[in-house]
Amino acid sequence: LKTMGTRNSYSKTDPSATFMRMKEDHMGNGQLKPAYNVQIGTENQFITNFKFYPNPTDTRTFKSFLLWGKSRYGKLPEKAIADAGYGSEENYEFMEQNQIEGFVKYSYFHKEQKRCFKNNPFFAENLYYNQKQDYFVCPMGQHITPQQTYTKTNEYGYRSKITQYQAQNCTACPLRGMCYQAKEDKRSIEINHRLRKYKQKARELLTSEEGLKHRSRRPIEPEAVFGQLKFNKAYNRFRHIGQDKVEMDFAILSIAFNLHKLARKVA
């Protein structure tokens, strides 16, 4: 347990590595292998920053990765472009506090762009909200009013403010079967207003002309670099044991990769 620390596993051959579910699962049964979560930042497909993490999810790496970049360059980036794996309330708050323009998707960004989502009046995201008097309106015109506000703390200690709203009475409502499936006679919804504000801002940025440009470039930035390293350079596993040695190995690889790319551009 002392060796494992805050992780949920570690490898006996490399105690710094954590067991993660790999994408290259040739057996098709979700194999776990000792691994590191490698995060890279790129600009014009040059590697500008990298860091290794023991946790398999990307959400918790965003703030640390940007701060690590600040230690390298002495400043935070003016803009950050990332996929939905990094879109959380904590990360949006960090970007707002540090004046970073965040073109960062959230979990259901693409889903809400679809017609079936936009045309469904029963989703909490599509309910009309009266901000001045603080209530939502259901498709039948009934007001869904606030009942209580509480603080929700995630496993990493981040606190979110949640407001619970509840309708007055849904017993005889003809749309109840389409509206919600719970047994209660009153529909209730939980709203994180701060997260709603952050998502609205992110949605405006992502759907703007500049946002569309960044969204089209993001898949050919870090993804293309990983593809070059793993398939064209045949670097699909680490050659050393221990995080210090693995980071040294990857640092040399990044330098070589950037020099090779620079030489090709000059040529």
C-alpha atoms as a PDB file:
ATOM      1  CA  LEU A   1       0.000   0.000   0.000  1.00  0.00           C
ATOM      2  CA  LYS A   2       2.900   2.371   0.694  1.00  0.00           C
ATOM      3  CA  THR A   3       4.322   1.670  -2.775  1.00  0.00           C
ATOM      4  CA  MET A   4       0.926   2.027  -4.431  1.00  0.00           C
ATOM      5  CA  GLY A   5       0.077   5.374  -2.773  1.00  0.00           C
ATOM      6  CA  THR A   6      -3.051   6.950  -4.272  1.00  0.00           C
ATOM      7  CA  ARG A   7      -3.122   4.510  -7.206  1.00  0.00           C
ATOM      8  CA  ASN A   8      -5.202   1.345  -7.344  1.00  0.00           C
ATOM      9  CA  SER A   9      -2.430  -0.918  -8.662  1.00  0.00           C
ATOM     10  CA  TYR A  10       1.242  -1.128  -9.577  1.00  0.00           C
ATOM     11  CA  SER A  11       3.523  -3.497 -11.440  1.00  0.00           C
ATOM     12  CA  LYS A  12       6.010  -5.709  -9.596  1.00  0.00           C
ATOM     13  CA  THR A  13       8.531  -5.311 -12.417  1.00  0.00           C
ATOM     14  CA  ASP A  14       8.092  -1.505 -12.520  1.00  0.00           C
ATOM     15  CA  PRO A  15       6.519  -0.134  -9.308  1.00  0.00           C
ATOM     16  CA  SER A  16       6.157   3.315 -10.914  1.00  0.00           C
ATOM     17  CA  ALA A  17       3.832   1.923 -13.606  1.00  0.00           C
ATOM     18  CA  THR A  18       0.080   1.489 -13.079  1.00  0.00           C
ATOM     19  CA  PHE A  19      -2.085  -1.193 -14.675  1.00  0.00           C
ATOM     20  CA  MET A  20      -4.259   0.391 -17.377  1.00  0.00           C
ATOM     21  CA  ARG A  21      -6.627  -0.890 -20.023  1.00  0.00           C
ATOM     22  CA  MET A  22      -4.799  -0.588 -23.326  1.00  0.00           C
ATOM     23  CA  LYS A  23      -6.216   0.392 -26.714  1.00  0.00           C
ATOM     24  CA  GLU A  24      -4.039  -2.249 -28.406  1.00  0.00           C
ATOM     25  CA  ASP A  25      -6.048  -5.162 -27.045  1.00  0.00           C
ATOM     26  CA  HIS A  26      -5.421  -7.915 -29.587  1.00  0.00           C
ATOM     27  CA  MET A  27      -7.121 -10.521 -27.374  1.00  0.00           C
ATOM     28  CA  GLY A  28     -10.367  -8.524 -27.302  1.00  0.00           C
ATOM     29  CA  ASN A  29     -10.897  -9.094 -23.580  1.00  0.00           C
ATOM     30  CA  GLY A  30      -9.786  -5.767 -22.108  1.00  0.00           C
ATOM     31  CA  GLN A  31      -6.250  -6.664 -21.096  1.00  0.00           C
ATOM     32  CA  LEU A  32      -4.578  -4.709 -18.317  1.00  0.00           C
ATOM     33  CA  LYS A  33      -0.910  -3.849 -18.745  1.00  0.00           C
ATOM     34  CA  PRO A  34       1.554  -1.759 -16.700  1.00  0.00           C
ATOM     35  CA  ALA A  35       1.627   1.664 -18.321  1.00  0.00           C
ATOM     36  CA  TYR A  36       2.022   5.417 -17.961  1.00  0.00           C
ATOM     37  CA  ASN A  37      -0.491   8.013 -19.102  1.00  0.00           C
ATOM     38  CA  VAL A  38       1.618  10.175 -21.434  1.00  0.00           C
ATOM     39  CA  GLN A  39       0.317  13.695 -22.018  1.00  0.00           C
ATOM     40  CA  ILE A  40       1.864  15.816 -24.772  1.00  0.00           C
ATOM     41  CA  GLY A  41       1.288  19.337 -26.020  1.00  0.00           C
ATOM     42  CA  THR A  42       1.968  20.160 -29.665  1.00  0.00           C
ATOM     43  CA  GLU A  43       2.147  23.195 -31.925  1.00  0.00           C
ATOM     44  CA  ASN A  44       2.306  22.603 -35.686  1.00  0.00           C
ATOM     45  CA  GLN A  45       3.069  18.950 -34.787  1.00  0.00           C
ATOM     46  CA  PHE A  46       6.177  19.884 -32.798  1.00  0.00           C
ATOM     47  CA  ILE A  47       6.220  18.470 -29.258  1.00  0.00           C
ATOM     48  CA  THR A  48       6.191  21.484 -26.945  1.00  0.00           C
ATOM     49  CA  ASN A  49       5.478  19.813 -23.618  1.00  0.00           C
ATOM     50  CA  PHE A  50       5.128  16.341 -22.111  1.00  0.00           C
ATOM     51  CA  LYS A  51       4.455  14.799 -18.721  1.00  0.00           C
ATOM     52  CA  PHE A  52       3.757  11.323 -17.321  1.00  0.00           C
ATOM     53  CA  TYR A  53       0.857  10.499 -14.998  1.00  0.00           C
ATOM     54  CA  PRO A  54      -0.093   7.383 -13.002  1.00  0.00           C
ATOM     55  CA  ASN A  55      -3.868   7.842 -13.469  1.00  0.00           C
ATOM     56  CA  PRO A  56      -5.507   6.530 -16.660  1.00  0.00           C
ATOM     57  CA  THR A  57      -8.117   9.316 -16.973  1.00  0.00           C
ATOM     58  CA  ASP A  58      -7.215  12.609 -18.657  1.00  0.00           C
ATOM     59  CA  THR A  59      -9.447  14.961 -16.656  1.00  0.00           C
ATOM     60  CA  ARG A  60      -7.108  15.137 -13.660  1.00  0.00           C
ATOM     61  CA  THR A  61      -4.023  15.851 -15.769  1.00  0.00           C
ATOM     62  CA  PHE A  62      -5.098  19.150 -17.368  1.00  0.00           C
ATOM     63  CA  LYS A  63      -4.191  21.676 -14.637  1.00  0.00           C
ATOM     64  CA  SER A  64      -0.973  19.913 -13.736  1.00  0.00           C
ATOM     65  CA  PHE A  65       0.055  19.684 -17.380  1.00  0.00           C
ATOM     66  CA  LEU A  66      -0.463  23.404 -18.015  1.00  0.00           C
ATOM     67  CA  LEU A  67       1.396  24.333 -14.820  1.00  0.00           C
ATOM     68  CA  TRP A  68       4.226  22.017 -15.853  1.00  0.00           C
ATOM     69  CA  GLY A  69       4.357  23.884 -19.156  1.00  0.00           C
ATOM     70  CA  LYS A  70       4.549  27.153 -17.222  1.00  0.00           C
ATOM     71  CA  SER A  71       7.610  25.847 -15.372  1.00  0.00           C
ATOM     72  CA  ARG A  72       9.220  25.155 -18.777  1.00  0.00           C
ATOM     73  CA  TYR A  73       8.343  28.426 -20.541  1.00  0.00           C
ATOM     74  CA  GLY A  74       7.635  30.834 -17.694  1.00  0.00           C
ATOM     75  CA  LYS A  75       4.015  31.463 -18.701  1.00  0.00           C
ATOM     76  CA  LEU A  76       0.716  29.736 -19.317  1.00  0.00           C
ATOM     77  CA  PRO A  77      -0.673  29.461 -22.860  1.00  0.00           C
ATOM     78  CA  GLU A  78      -3.107  32.102 -24.108  1.00  0.00           C
ATOM     79  CA  LYS A  79      -5.324  29.398 -25.637  1.00  0.00           C
ATOM     80  CA  ALA A  80      -5.895  25.733 -24.848  1.00  0.00           C
ATOM     81  CA  ILE A  81      -7.406  23.237 -27.297  1.00  0.00           C
ATOM     82  CA  ALA A  82      -8.399  19.804 -25.999  1.00  0.00           C
ATOM     83  CA  ASP A  83     -11.030  17.112 -26.477  1.00  0.00           C
ATOM     84  CA  ALA A  84     -13.940  16.156 -24.230  1.00  0.00           C
ATOM     85  CA  GLY A  85     -11.759  14.122 -21.869  1.00  0.00           C
ATOM     86  CA  TYR A  86     -10.531  17.377 -20.313  1.00  0.00           C
ATOM     87  CA  GLY A  87     -13.839  19.256 -20.025  1.00  0.00           C
ATOM     88  CA  SER A  88     -14.632  19.484 -16.312  1.00  0.00           C
ATOM     89  CA  GLU A  89     -15.824  22.243 -14.003  1.00  0.00           C
ATOM     90  CA  GLU A  90     -12.467  22.335 -12.232  1.00  0.00           C
ATOM     91  CA  ASN A  91     -10.548  22.725 -15.504  1.00  0.00           C
ATOM     92  CA  TYR A  92     -12.897  25.423 -16.828  1.00  0.00           C
ATOM     93  CA  GLU A  93     -12.533  27.300 -13.550  1.00  0.00           C
ATOM     94  CA  PHE A  94      -8.738  27.073 -13.783  1.00  0.00           C
ATOM     95  CA  MET A  95      -8.763  28.520 -17.303  1.00  0.00           C
ATOM     96  CA  GLU A  96     -11.079  31.355 -16.274  1.00  0.00           C
ATOM     97  CA  GLN A  97      -8.896  32.271 -13.292  1.00  0.00           C
ATOM     98  CA  ASN A  98      -5.765  32.346 -15.478  1.00  0.00           C
ATOM     99  CA  GLN A  99      -7.301  34.150 -18.482  1.00  0.00           C
ATOM    100  CA  ILE A 100      -6.837  31.158 -20.788  1.00  0.00           C
ATOM    101  CA  GLU A 101      -9.186  31.012 -23.770  1.00  0.00           C
ATOM    102  CA  GLY A 102     -10.383  27.426 -23.583  1.00  0.00           C
ATOM    103  CA  PHE A 103     -11.504  25.615 -26.722  1.00  0.00           C
ATOM    104  CA  VAL A 104     -12.147  22.516 -24.623  1.00  0.00           C
ATOM    105  CA  LYS A 105     -15.110  20.235 -25.293  1.00  0.00           C
ATOM    106  CA  TYR A 106     -17.293  18.747 -22.559  1.00  0.00           C
ATOM    107  CA  SER A 107     -18.665  15.229 -22.360  1.00  0.00           C
ATOM    108  CA  TYR A 108     -21.824  15.524 -24.477  1.00  0.00           C
ATOM    109  CA  PHE A 109     -20.812  18.439 -26.746  1.00  0.00           C
ATOM    110  CA  HIS A 110     -21.255  16.448 -29.966  1.00  0.00           C
ATOM    111  CA  LYS A 111     -24.432  14.781 -28.710  1.00  0.00           C
ATOM    112  CA  GLU A 112     -26.185  18.091 -28.087  1.00  0.00           C
ATOM    113  CA  GLN A 113     -25.422  19.203 -31.645  1.00  0.00           C
ATOM    114  CA  LYS A 114     -27.672  16.456 -33.014  1.00  0.00           C
ATOM    115  CA  ARG A 115     -31.269  17.128 -33.997  1.00  0.00           C
ATOM    116  CA  CYS A 116     -32.675  14.417 -31.717  1.00  0.00           C
ATOM    117  CA  PHE A 117     -31.136  16.165 -28.704  1.00  0.00           C
ATOM    118  CA  LYS A 118     -32.141  19.697 -29.694  1.00  0.00           C
ATOM    119  CA  ASN A 119     -35.722  18.676 -30.455  1.00  0.00           C
ATOM    120  CA  ASN A 120     -36.300  16.816 -27.179  1.00  0.00           C
ATOM    121  CA  PRO A 121     -38.095  19.302 -24.872  1.00  0.00           C
ATOM    122  CA  PHE A 122     -37.838  17.021 -21.821  1.00  0.00           C
ATOM    123  CA  PHE A 123     -34.047  17.192 -21.377  1.00  0.00           C
ATOM    124  CA  ALA A 124     -33.054  19.440 -18.492  1.00  0.00           C
ATOM    125  CA  GLU A 125     -30.641  21.237 -20.831  1.00  0.00           C
ATOM    126  CA  ASN A 126     -33.560  22.247 -23.093  1.00  0.00           C
ATOM    127  CA  LEU A 127     -35.957  23.472 -20.393  1.00  0.00           C
ATOM    128  CA  TYR A 128     -36.622  27.197 -20.338  1.00  0.00           C
ATOM    129  CA  TYR A 129     -34.874  28.859 -17.378  1.00  0.00           C
ATOM    130  CA  ASN A 130     -36.033  32.134 -15.835  1.00  0.00           C
ATOM    131  CA  GLN A 131     -32.800  33.446 -14.400  1.00  0.00           C
ATOM    132  CA  LYS A 132     -34.354  36.464 -12.689  1.00  0.00           C
ATOM    133  CA  GLN A 133     -36.879  34.456 -10.656  1.00  0.00           C
ATOM    134  CA  ASP A 134     -34.804  31.235 -10.630  1.00  0.00           C
ATOM    135  CA  TYR A 135     -37.123  28.541 -11.954  1.00  0.00           C
ATOM    136  CA  PHE A 136     -37.396  26.176 -14.913  1.00  0.00           C
ATOM    137  CA  VAL A 137     -40.517  25.610 -17.023  1.00  0.00           C
ATOM    138  CA  CYS A 138     -41.528  22.104 -18.093  1.00  0.00           C
ATOM    139  CA  PRO A 139     -43.153  21.376 -21.501  1.00  0.00           C
ATOM    140  CA  MET A 140     -46.614  21.552 -19.861  1.00  0.00           C
ATOM    141  CA  GLY A 141     -45.875  25.035 -18.479  1.00  0.00           C
ATOM    142  CA  GLN A 142     -45.423  23.991 -14.848  1.00  0.00           C
ATOM    143  CA  HIS A 143     -42.729  25.790 -12.863  1.00  0.00           C
ATOM    144  CA  ILE A 144     -39.867  23.686 -11.501  1.00  0.00           C
ATOM    145  CA  THR A 145     -38.670  25.637  -8.483  1.00  0.00           C
ATOM    146  CA  PRO A 146     -35.549  25.338  -6.275  1.00  0.00           C
ATOM    147  CA  GLN A 147     -35.872  23.159  -3.177  1.00  0.00           C
ATOM    148  CA  GLN A 148     -32.393  22.892  -1.721  1.00  0.00           C
ATOM    149  CA  THR A 149     -28.749  23.669  -2.455  1.00  0.00           C
ATOM    150  CA  TYR A 150     -25.911  21.436  -1.343  1.00  0.00           C
ATOM    151  CA  THR A 151     -22.201  21.022  -1.934  1.00  0.00           C
ATOM    152  CA  LYS A 152     -20.898  17.936  -3.697  1.00  0.00           C
ATOM    153  CA  THR A 153     -17.261  16.956  -3.192  1.00  0.00           C
ATOM    154  CA  ASN A 154     -15.601  14.570  -5.630  1.00  0.00           C
ATOM    155  CA  GLU A 155     -12.985  11.990  -4.700  1.00  0.00           C
ATOM    156  CA  TYR A 156     -10.185  14.513  -5.271  1.00  0.00           C
ATOM    157  CA  GLY A 157     -11.640  17.163  -2.968  1.00  0.00           C
ATOM    158  CA  TYR A 158     -13.112  19.553  -5.549  1.00  0.00           C
ATOM    159  CA  ARG A 159     -16.383  21.092  -4.338  1.00  0.00           C
ATOM    160  CA  SER A 160     -19.350  21.801  -6.637  1.00  0.00           C
ATOM    161  CA  LYS A 161     -22.528  23.676  -5.726  1.00  0.00           C
ATOM    162  CA  ILE A 162     -25.654  21.767  -6.781  1.00  0.00           C
ATOM    163  CA  THR A 163     -29.214  23.138  -6.721  1.00  0.00           C
ATOM    164  CA  GLN A 164     -32.141  20.718  -6.710  1.00  0.00           C
ATOM    165  CA  TYR A 165     -35.310  21.828  -8.492  1.00  0.00           C
ATOM    166  CA  GLN A 166     -38.689  20.110  -8.200  1.00  0.00           C
ATOM    167  CA  ALA A 167     -42.039  20.407  -9.983  1.00  0.00           C
ATOM    168  CA  GLN A 168     -45.218  21.024  -8.004  1.00  0.00           C
ATOM    169  CA  ASN A 169     -47.200  17.938  -9.063  1.00  0.00           C
ATOM    170  CA  CYS A 170     -46.849  15.583 -12.034  1.00  0.00           C
ATOM    171  CA  THR A 171     -49.495  13.012 -11.105  1.00  0.00           C
ATOM    172  CA  ALA A 172     -52.051  13.776 -13.814  1.00  0.00           C
ATOM    173  CA  CYS A 173     -49.628  15.099 -16.402  1.00  0.00           C
ATOM    174  CA  PRO A 174     -50.285  13.469 -19.835  1.00  0.00           C
ATOM    175  CA  LEU A 175     -46.597  13.837 -20.759  1.00  0.00           C
ATOM    176  CA  ARG A 176     -45.230  12.195 -17.625  1.00  0.00           C
ATOM    177  CA  GLY A 177     -44.228   8.956 -19.367  1.00  0.00           C
ATOM    178  CA  MET A 178     -42.045  10.881 -21.815  1.00  0.00           C
ATOM    179  CA  CYS A 179     -40.774  13.374 -19.247  1.00  0.00           C
ATOM    180  CA  TYR A 180     -39.271  11.086 -16.582  1.00  0.00           C
ATOM    181  CA  GLN A 181     -39.368   7.467 -15.414  1.00  0.00           C
ATOM    182  CA  ALA A 182     -38.989   7.843 -11.636  1.00  0.00           C
ATOM    183  CA  LYS A 183     -41.760   6.662  -9.298  1.00  0.00           C
ATOM    184  CA  GLU A 184     -42.100  10.027  -7.536  1.00  0.00           C
ATOM    185  CA  ASP A 185     -45.086  12.249  -8.364  1.00  0.00           C
ATOM    186  CA  LYS A 186     -42.852  15.267  -8.835  1.00  0.00           C
ATOM    187  CA  ARG A 187     -40.023  15.528 -11.334  1.00  0.00           C
ATOM    188  CA  SER A 188     -36.790  16.800  -9.846  1.00  0.00           C
ATOM    189  CA  ILE A 189     -33.600  17.921 -11.572  1.00  0.00           C
ATOM    190  CA  GLU A 190     -30.161  18.759 -10.215  1.00  0.00           C
ATOM    191  CA  ILE A 191     -28.420  21.763 -11.743  1.00  0.00           C
ATOM    192  CA  ASN A 192     -24.837  22.981 -11.423  1.00  0.00           C
ATOM    193  CA  HIS A 193     -25.226  26.601 -12.489  1.00  0.00           C
ATOM    194  CA  ARG A 194     -21.509  27.359 -12.531  1.00  0.00           C
ATOM    195  CA  LEU A 195     -20.852  24.399 -14.816  1.00  0.00           C
ATOM    196  CA  ARG A 196     -23.762  25.468 -17.043  1.00  0.00           C
ATOM    197  CA  LYS A 197     -22.134  28.888 -17.399  1.00  0.00           C
ATOM    198  CA  TYR A 198     -18.759  27.354 -18.257  1.00  0.00           C
ATOM    199  CA  LYS A 199     -20.337  25.025 -20.832  1.00  0.00           C
ATOM    200  CA  GLN A 200     -22.218  27.899 -22.442  1.00  0.00           C
ATOM    201  CA  LYS A 201     -18.970  29.836 -22.806  1.00  0.00           C
ATOM    202  CA  ALA A 202     -17.157  26.770 -24.176  1.00  0.00           C
ATOM    203  CA  ARG A 203     -20.030  26.124 -26.619  1.00  0.00           C
ATOM    204  CA  GLU A 204     -19.813  29.678 -27.966  1.00  0.00           C
ATOM    205  CA  LEU A 205     -16.056  29.379 -28.446  1.00  0.00           C
ATOM    206  CA  LEU A 206     -16.202  25.935 -30.047  1.00  0.00           C
ATOM    207  CA  THR A 207     -18.939  26.885 -32.516  1.00  0.00           C
ATOM    208  CA  SER A 208     -17.306  30.186 -33.496  1.00  0.00           C
ATOM    209  CA  GLU A 209     -15.251  30.535 -36.685  1.00  0.00           C
ATOM    210  CA  GLU A 210     -12.015  30.299 -34.723  1.00  0.00           C
ATOM    211  CA  GLY A 211     -13.368  27.365 -32.735  1.00  0.00           C
ATOM    212  CA  LEU A 212     -14.224  25.423 -35.892  1.00  0.00           C
ATOM    213  CA  LYS A 213     -10.668  26.019 -37.105  1.00  0.00           C
ATOM    214  CA  HIS A 214      -9.153  24.721 -33.859  1.00  0.00           C
ATOM    215  CA  ARG A 215     -11.521  21.728 -33.786  1.00  0.00           C
ATOM    216  CA  SER A 216     -10.478  20.713 -37.294  1.00  0.00           C
ATOM    217  CA  ARG A 217      -6.789  21.027 -36.403  1.00  0.00           C
ATOM    218  CA  ARG A 218      -6.877  19.251 -33.039  1.00  0.00           C
ATOM    219  CA  PRO A 219      -7.141  15.676 -34.451  1.00  0.00           C
ATOM    220  CA  ILE A 220      -4.107  16.271 -36.702  1.00  0.00           C
ATOM    221  CA  GLU A 221      -1.986  17.802 -33.951  1.00  0.00           C
ATOM    222  CA  PRO A 222      -1.297  15.459 -30.964  1.00  0.00           C
ATOM    223  CA  GLU A 223      -2.959  12.449 -32.594  1.00  0.00           C
ATOM    224  CA  ALA A 224      -0.724  12.695 -35.658  1.00  0.00           C
ATOM    225  CA  VAL A 225       2.371  12.999 -33.454  1.00  0.00           C
ATOM    226  CA  PHE A 226       1.398   9.899 -31.472  1.00  0.00           C
ATOM    227  CA  GLY A 227       0.772   8.094 -34.749  1.00  0.00           C
ATOM    228  CA  GLN A 228       4.211   9.048 -36.043  1.00  0.00           C
ATOM    229  CA  LEU A 229       5.890   7.889 -32.825  1.00  0.00           C
ATOM    230  CA  LYS A 230       4.011   4.617 -32.376  1.00  0.00           C
ATOM    231  CA  PHE A 231       3.720   3.362 -35.936  1.00  0.00           C
ATOM    232  CA  ASN A 232       6.252   5.130 -38.173  1.00  0.00           C
ATOM    233  CA  LYS A 233       8.990   5.248 -35.506  1.00  0.00           C
ATOM    234  CA  ALA A 234       7.949   1.890 -33.984  1.00  0.00           C
ATOM    235  CA  TYR A 235       8.012   3.407 -30.490  1.00  0.00           C
ATOM    236  CA  ASN A 236       5.015   1.548 -29.056  1.00  0.00           C
ATOM    237  CA  ARG A 237       6.466   0.605 -25.664  1.00  0.00           C
ATOM    238  CA  PHE A 238       9.008   2.009 -23.227  1.00  0.00           C
ATOM    239  CA  ARG A 239      12.485   0.507 -23.143  1.00  0.00           C
ATOM    240  CA  HIS A 240      13.293   1.308 -19.506  1.00  0.00           C
ATOM    241  CA  ILE A 241      11.901   0.662 -16.024  1.00  0.00           C
ATOM    242  CA  GLY A 242      11.148   3.446 -13.560  1.00  0.00           C
ATOM    243  CA  GLN A 243       9.465   6.782 -14.259  1.00  0.00           C
ATOM    244  CA  ASP A 244      12.691   8.811 -14.176  1.00  0.00           C
ATOM    245  CA  LYS A 245      14.303   6.640 -16.841  1.00  0.00           C
ATOM    246  CA  VAL A 246      11.120   6.472 -18.909  1.00  0.00           C
ATOM    247  CA  GLU A 247      10.824  10.275 -18.878  1.00  0.00           C
ATOM    248  CA  MET A 248      14.484  10.604 -19.882  1.00  0.00           C
ATOM    249  CA  ASP A 249      13.887   8.147 -22.718  1.00  0.00           C
ATOM    250  CA  PHE A 250      10.843  10.064 -23.950  1.00  0.00           C
ATOM    251  CA  ALA A 251      12.631  13.425 -23.636  1.00  0.00           C
ATOM    252  CA  ILE A 252      15.434  12.262 -25.932  1.00  0.00           C
ATOM    253  CA  LEU A 253      12.854  10.855 -28.334  1.00  0.00           C
ATOM    254  CA  SER A 254      10.982  14.201 -28.351  1.00  0.00           C
ATOM    255  CA  ILE A 255      14.153  16.141 -29.089  1.00  0.00           C
ATOM    256  CA  ALA A 256      15.018  13.788 -31.948  1.00  0.00           C
ATOM    257  CA  PHE A 257      11.463  13.971 -33.278  1.00  0.00           C
ATOM    258  CA  ASN A 258      11.460  17.784 -33.276  1.00  0.00           C
ATOM    259  CA  LEU A 259      14.918  18.022 -34.891  1.00  0.00           C
ATOM    260  CA  HIS A 260      13.880  15.594 -37.610  1.00  0.00           C
ATOM    261  CA  LYS A 261      10.700  17.565 -38.289  1.00  0.00           C
ATOM    262  CA  LEU A 262      12.604  20.859 -38.294  1.00  0.00           C
ATOM    263  CA  ALA A 263      15.172  19.479 -40.768  1.00  0.00           C
ATOM    264  CA  ARG A 264      12.390  18.353 -43.096  1.00  0.00           C
ATOM    265  CA  LYS A 265      10.684  21.747 -42.919  1.00  0.00           C
ATOM    266  CA  VAL A 266      13.954  23.570 -43.632  1.00  0.00           C
ATOM    267  CA  ALA A 267      14.643  21.248 -46.554  1.00  0.00           C
END
